[in-house]
Amino acid sequence: MDIRVGDVLEMKKEHPCGNRSFEVLRIGMDFRLRCMGCGHEMMISRQKAEKNIRKVKREE
């Protein structure tokens, strides 16, 4: 999957704050994501993240 730093991911499951959009801050074996609603940052494994991505929004 082609995911880059700065992309906004729309996930299948929502964050507890009710938002589904997350900004990619770091990629590698794990992704560091920031919730676009409340600003909470989290680390999630690449496998789990790619499984739960619904759409990738990229600013060109």
PDB file of N, CA and C in Angstrom:
ATOM      1  N   MET A   1       0.840  -1.173   0.000  1.00  0.00           N
ATOM      2  CA  MET A   1       0.000   0.000   0.000  1.00  0.00           C
ATOM      3  C   MET A   1       0.889   1.243   0.000  1.00  0.00           C
ATOM      4  N   ASP A   2       0.568   2.222  -0.828  1.00  0.00           N
ATOM      5  CA  ASP A   2       1.375   3.436  -0.946  1.00  0.00           C
ATOM      6  C   ASP A   2       0.852   4.505   0.005  1.00  0.00           C
ATOM      7  N   ILE A   3       1.457   4.586   1.174  1.00  0.00           N
ATOM      8  CA  ILE A   3       1.080   5.579   2.174  1.00  0.00           C
ATOM      9  C   ILE A   3       2.309   6.422   2.479  1.00  0.00           C
ATOM     10  N   ARG A   4       2.138   7.730   2.532  1.00  0.00           N
ATOM     11  CA  ARG A   4       3.254   8.653   2.762  1.00  0.00           C
ATOM     12  C   ARG A   4       2.976   9.522   3.976  1.00  0.00           C
ATOM     13  N   VAL A   5       4.044  10.093   4.527  1.00  0.00           N
ATOM     14  CA  VAL A   5       3.899  11.028   5.635  1.00  0.00           C
ATOM     15  C   VAL A   5       3.100  12.233   5.141  1.00  0.00           C
ATOM     16  N   GLY A   6       2.119  12.650   5.912  1.00  0.00           N
ATOM     17  CA  GLY A   6       1.277  13.785   5.534  1.00  0.00           C
ATOM     18  C   GLY A   6      -0.067  13.373   4.967  1.00  0.00           C
ATOM     19  N   ASP A   7      -0.221  12.101   4.593  1.00  0.00           N
ATOM     20  CA  ASP A   7      -1.509  11.629   4.091  1.00  0.00           C
ATOM     21  C   ASP A   7      -2.533  11.624   5.219  1.00  0.00           C
ATOM     22  N   VAL A   8      -3.797  11.748   4.862  1.00  0.00           N
ATOM     23  CA  VAL A   8      -4.885  11.633   5.825  1.00  0.00           C
ATOM     24  C   VAL A   8      -5.623  10.336   5.509  1.00  0.00           C
ATOM     25  N   LEU A   9      -5.719   9.459   6.512  1.00  0.00           N
ATOM     26  CA  LEU A   9      -6.356   8.161   6.341  1.00  0.00           C
ATOM     27  C   LEU A   9      -7.755   8.191   6.936  1.00  0.00           C
ATOM     28  N   GLU A  10      -8.718   7.651   6.194  1.00  0.00           N
ATOM     29  CA  GLU A  10     -10.054   7.446   6.736  1.00  0.00           C
ATOM     30  C   GLU A  10     -10.137   5.975   7.114  1.00  0.00           C
ATOM     31  N   MET A  11     -10.342   5.704   8.402  1.00  0.00           N
ATOM     32  CA  MET A  11     -10.339   4.339   8.918  1.00  0.00           C
ATOM     33  C   MET A  11     -11.756   3.777   9.015  1.00  0.00           C
ATOM     34  N   LYS A  12     -11.855   2.441   9.091  1.00  0.00           N
ATOM     35  CA  LYS A  12     -13.146   1.778   9.271  1.00  0.00           C
ATOM     36  C   LYS A  12     -13.708   2.030  10.661  1.00  0.00           C
ATOM     37  N   LYS A  13     -12.833   1.927  11.678  1.00  0.00           N
ATOM     38  CA  LYS A  13     -13.268   2.157  13.059  1.00  0.00           C
ATOM     39  C   LYS A  13     -12.971   3.597  13.440  1.00  0.00           C
ATOM     40  N   GLU A  14     -13.828   4.174  14.257  1.00  0.00           N
ATOM     41  CA  GLU A  14     -13.611   5.551  14.669  1.00  0.00           C
ATOM     42  C   GLU A  14     -12.884   5.621  15.999  1.00  0.00           C
ATOM     43  N   HIS A  15     -12.225   6.744  16.210  1.00  0.00           N
ATOM     44  CA  HIS A  15     -11.543   7.042  17.464  1.00  0.00           C
ATOM     45  C   HIS A  15     -12.624   7.295  18.526  1.00  0.00           C
ATOM     46  N   PRO A  16     -12.334   7.101  19.803  1.00  0.00           N
ATOM     47  CA  PRO A  16     -13.341   7.364  20.840  1.00  0.00           C
ATOM     48  C   PRO A  16     -13.942   8.772  20.792  1.00  0.00           C
ATOM     49  N   CYS A  17     -13.247   9.736  20.218  1.00  0.00           N
ATOM     50  CA  CYS A  17     -13.799  11.091  20.105  1.00  0.00           C
ATOM     51  C   CYS A  17     -14.852  11.179  18.996  1.00  0.00           C
ATOM     52  N   GLY A  18     -14.980  10.141  18.164  1.00  0.00           N
ATOM     53  CA  GLY A  18     -16.002  10.115  17.124  1.00  0.00           C
ATOM     54  C   GLY A  18     -15.492  10.423  15.730  1.00  0.00           C
ATOM     55  N   ASN A  19     -14.204  10.674  15.577  1.00  0.00           N
ATOM     56  CA  ASN A  19     -13.624  11.019  14.280  1.00  0.00           C
ATOM     57  C   ASN A  19     -13.002   9.786  13.625  1.00  0.00           C
ATOM     58  N   ARG A  20     -13.038   9.714  12.288  1.00  0.00           N
ATOM     59  CA  ARG A  20     -12.445   8.592  11.561  1.00  0.00           C
ATOM     60  C   ARG A  20     -11.189   8.984  10.785  1.00  0.00           C
ATOM     61  N   SER A  21     -10.810  10.251  10.790  1.00  0.00           N
ATOM     62  CA  SER A  21      -9.672  10.730   9.999  1.00  0.00           C
ATOM     63  C   SER A  21      -8.419  10.834  10.856  1.00  0.00           C
ATOM     64  N   PHE A  22      -7.293  10.327  10.311  1.00  0.00           N
ATOM     65  CA  PHE A  22      -6.018  10.345  11.011  1.00  0.00           C
ATOM     66  C   PHE A  22      -4.924  10.802  10.051  1.00  0.00           C
ATOM     67  N   GLU A  23      -4.045  11.674  10.527  1.00  0.00           N
ATOM     68  CA  GLU A  23      -2.908  12.141   9.738  1.00  0.00           C
ATOM     69  C   GLU A  23      -1.707  11.239  10.025  1.00  0.00           C
ATOM     70  N   VAL A  24      -0.963  10.860   8.967  1.00  0.00           N
ATOM     71  CA  VAL A  24       0.217  10.016   9.113  1.00  0.00           C
ATOM     72  C   VAL A  24       1.412  10.898   9.468  1.00  0.00           C
ATOM     73  N   LEU A  25       2.048  10.632  10.617  1.00  0.00           N
ATOM     74  CA  LEU A  25       3.214  11.401  11.061  1.00  0.00           C
ATOM     75  C   LEU A  25       4.513  10.643  10.816  1.00  0.00           C
ATOM     76  N   ARG A  26       4.463   9.297  10.850  1.00  0.00           N
ATOM     77  CA  ARG A  26       5.670   8.480  10.678  1.00  0.00           C
ATOM     78  C   ARG A  26       5.254   7.129  10.114  1.00  0.00           C
ATOM     79  N   ILE A  27       6.093   6.579   9.229  1.00  0.00           N
ATOM     80  CA  ILE A  27       5.823   5.253   8.683  1.00  0.00           C
ATOM     81  C   ILE A  27       7.041   4.363   8.881  1.00  0.00           C
ATOM     82  N   GLY A  28       6.833   3.084   8.855  1.00  0.00           N
ATOM     83  CA  GLY A  28       7.874   2.083   9.070  1.00  0.00           C
ATOM     84  C   GLY A  28       7.166   0.788   9.426  1.00  0.00           C
ATOM     85  N   MET A  29       7.708   0.035  10.371  1.00  0.00           N
ATOM     86  CA  MET A  29       7.021  -1.164  10.852  1.00  0.00           C
ATOM     87  C   MET A  29       5.739  -0.772  11.591  1.00  0.00           C
ATOM     88  N   ASP A  30       5.750   0.420  12.195  1.00  0.00           N
ATOM     89  CA  ASP A  30       4.583   0.976  12.871  1.00  0.00           C
ATOM     90  C   ASP A  30       4.248   2.305  12.216  1.00  0.00           C
ATOM     91  N   PHE A  31       2.996   2.714  12.336  1.00  0.00           N
ATOM     92  CA  PHE A  31       2.571   4.040  11.889  1.00  0.00           C
ATOM     93  C   PHE A  31       2.341   4.887  13.122  1.00  0.00           C
ATOM     94  N   ARG A  32       2.749   6.154  13.069  1.00  0.00           N
ATOM     95  CA  ARG A  32       2.349   7.110  14.105  1.00  0.00           C
ATOM     96  C   ARG A  32       1.259   7.946  13.470  1.00  0.00           C
ATOM     97  N   LEU A  33       0.079   7.928  14.081  1.00  0.00           N
ATOM     98  CA  LEU A  33      -1.082   8.630  13.553  1.00  0.00           C
ATOM     99  C   LEU A  33      -1.551   9.680  14.543  1.00  0.00           C
ATOM    100  N   ARG A  34      -2.096  10.784  14.004  1.00  0.00           N
ATOM    101  CA  ARG A  34      -2.699  11.829  14.831  1.00  0.00           C
ATOM    102  C   ARG A  34      -4.164  11.941  14.459  1.00  0.00           C
ATOM    103  N   CYS A  35      -5.034  11.844  15.465  1.00  0.00           N
ATOM    104  CA  CYS A  35      -6.468  12.005  15.247  1.00  0.00           C
ATOM    105  C   CYS A  35      -6.740  13.437  14.812  1.00  0.00           C
ATOM    106  N   MET A  36      -7.511  13.604  13.746  1.00  0.00           N
ATOM    107  CA  MET A  36      -7.805  14.932  13.239  1.00  0.00           C
ATOM    108  C   MET A  36      -8.869  15.637  14.082  1.00  0.00           C
ATOM    109  N   GLY A  37      -9.553  14.893  14.943  1.00  0.00           N
ATOM    110  CA  GLY A  37     -10.585  15.488  15.793  1.00  0.00           C
ATOM    111  C   GLY A  37     -10.018  16.072  17.072  1.00  0.00           C
ATOM    112  N   CYS A  38      -9.340  15.219  17.872  1.00  0.00           N
ATOM    113  CA  CYS A  38      -8.880  15.659  19.192  1.00  0.00           C
ATOM    114  C   CYS A  38      -7.372  15.871  19.268  1.00  0.00           C
ATOM    115  N   GLY A  39      -6.602  15.442  18.254  1.00  0.00           N
ATOM    116  CA  GLY A  39      -5.162  15.656  18.248  1.00  0.00           C
ATOM    117  C   GLY A  39      -4.358  14.581  18.965  1.00  0.00           C
ATOM    118  N   HIS A  40      -5.011  13.529  19.446  1.00  0.00           N
ATOM    119  CA  HIS A  40      -4.316  12.447  20.146  1.00  0.00           C
ATOM    120  C   HIS A  40      -3.416  11.694  19.167  1.00  0.00           C
ATOM    121  N   GLU A  41      -2.169  11.416  19.574  1.00  0.00           N
ATOM    122  CA  GLU A  41      -1.235  10.669  18.734  1.00  0.00           C
ATOM    123  C   GLU A  41      -1.109   9.250  19.247  1.00  0.00           C
ATOM    124  N   MET A  42      -1.001   8.290  18.315  1.00  0.00           N
ATOM    125  CA  MET A  42      -0.886   6.885  18.693  1.00  0.00           C
ATOM    126  C   MET A  42       0.017   6.146  17.725  1.00  0.00           C
ATOM    127  N   MET A  43       0.580   5.055  18.196  1.00  0.00           N
ATOM    128  CA  MET A  43       1.359   4.146  17.356  1.00  0.00           C
ATOM    129  C   MET A  43       0.489   2.928  17.087  1.00  0.00           C
ATOM    130  N   ILE A  44       0.485   2.467  15.834  1.00  0.00           N
ATOM    131  CA  ILE A  44      -0.294   1.294  15.452  1.00  0.00           C
ATOM    132  C   ILE A  44       0.543   0.487  14.463  1.00  0.00           C
ATOM    133  N   SER A  45       0.474  -0.823  14.552  1.00  0.00           N
ATOM    134  CA  SER A  45       1.283  -1.661  13.663  1.00  0.00           C
ATOM    135  C   SER A  45       0.832  -1.476  12.213  1.00  0.00           C
ATOM    136  N   ARG A  46       1.766  -1.635  11.294  1.00  0.00           N
ATOM    137  CA  ARG A  46       1.464  -1.471   9.862  1.00  0.00           C
ATOM    138  C   ARG A  46       0.362  -2.431   9.428  1.00  0.00           C
ATOM    139  N   GLN A  47       0.449  -3.671   9.868  1.00  0.00           N
ATOM    140  CA  GLN A  47      -0.526  -4.692   9.478  1.00  0.00           C
ATOM    141  C   GLN A  47      -1.937  -4.295   9.920  1.00  0.00           C
ATOM    142  N   LYS A  48      -2.080  -3.853  11.160  1.00  0.00           N
ATOM    143  CA  LYS A  48      -3.383  -3.470  11.679  1.00  0.00           C
ATOM    144  C   LYS A  48      -3.907  -2.209  10.987  1.00  0.00           C
ATOM    145  N   ALA A  49      -3.022  -1.260  10.732  1.00  0.00           N
ATOM    146  CA  ALA A  49      -3.429  -0.013  10.075  1.00  0.00           C
ATOM    147  C   ALA A  49      -3.901  -0.275   8.646  1.00  0.00           C
ATOM    148  N   GLU A  50      -3.126  -1.049   7.869  1.00  0.00           N
ATOM    149  CA  GLU A  50      -3.499  -1.308   6.478  1.00  0.00           C
ATOM    150  C   GLU A  50      -4.803  -2.082   6.380  1.00  0.00           C
ATOM    151  N   LYS A  51      -5.082  -2.935   7.351  1.00  0.00           N
ATOM    152  CA  LYS A  51      -6.319  -3.700   7.370  1.00  0.00           C
ATOM    153  C   LYS A  51      -7.533  -2.793   7.587  1.00  0.00           C
ATOM    154  N   ASN A  52      -7.346  -1.708   8.369  1.00  0.00           N
ATOM    155  CA  ASN A  52      -8.462  -0.850   8.756  1.00  0.00           C
ATOM    156  C   ASN A  52      -8.622   0.414   7.921  1.00  0.00           C
ATOM    157  N   ILE A  53      -7.779   0.607   6.891  1.00  0.00           N
ATOM    158  CA  ILE A  53      -7.883   1.823   6.063  1.00  0.00           C
ATOM    159  C   ILE A  53      -9.027   1.674   5.080  1.00  0.00           C
ATOM    160  N   ARG A  54      -9.876   2.697   5.034  1.00  0.00           N
ATOM    161  CA  ARG A  54     -10.972   2.732   4.071  1.00  0.00           C
ATOM    162  C   ARG A  54     -10.592   3.592   2.859  1.00  0.00           C
ATOM    163  N   LYS A  55      -9.924   4.750   3.115  1.00  0.00           N
ATOM    164  CA  LYS A  55      -9.595   5.674   2.026  1.00  0.00           C
ATOM    165  C   LYS A  55      -8.346   6.468   2.398  1.00  0.00           C
ATOM    166  N   VAL A  56      -7.506   6.776   1.403  1.00  0.00           N
ATOM    167  CA  VAL A  56      -6.315   7.616   1.604  1.00  0.00           C
ATOM    168  C   VAL A  56      -6.552   8.942   0.888  1.00  0.00           C
ATOM    169  N   LYS A  57      -6.492  10.037   1.637  1.00  0.00           N
ATOM    170  CA  LYS A  57      -6.650  11.383   1.061  1.00  0.00           C
ATOM    171  C   LYS A  57      -5.269  12.006   1.006  1.00  0.00           C
ATOM    172  N   ARG A  58      -4.833  12.377  -0.181  1.00  0.00           N
ATOM    173  CA  ARG A  58      -3.482  12.907  -0.370  1.00  0.00           C
ATOM    174  C   ARG A  58      -3.561  14.320  -0.944  1.00  0.00           C
ATOM    175  N   GLU A  59      -2.848  15.241  -0.320  1.00  0.00           N
ATOM    176  CA  GLU A  59      -2.767  16.622  -0.829  1.00  0.00           C
ATOM    177  C   GLU A  59      -1.647  16.651  -1.866  1.00  0.00           C
ATOM    178  N   GLU A  60      -1.979  16.923  -3.111  1.00  0.00           N
ATOM    179  CA  GLU A  60      -0.977  16.946  -4.191  1.00  0.00           C
ATOM    180  C   GLU A  60      -0.402  18.323  -4.357  1.00  0.00           C
TER     181      GLU A  60
END
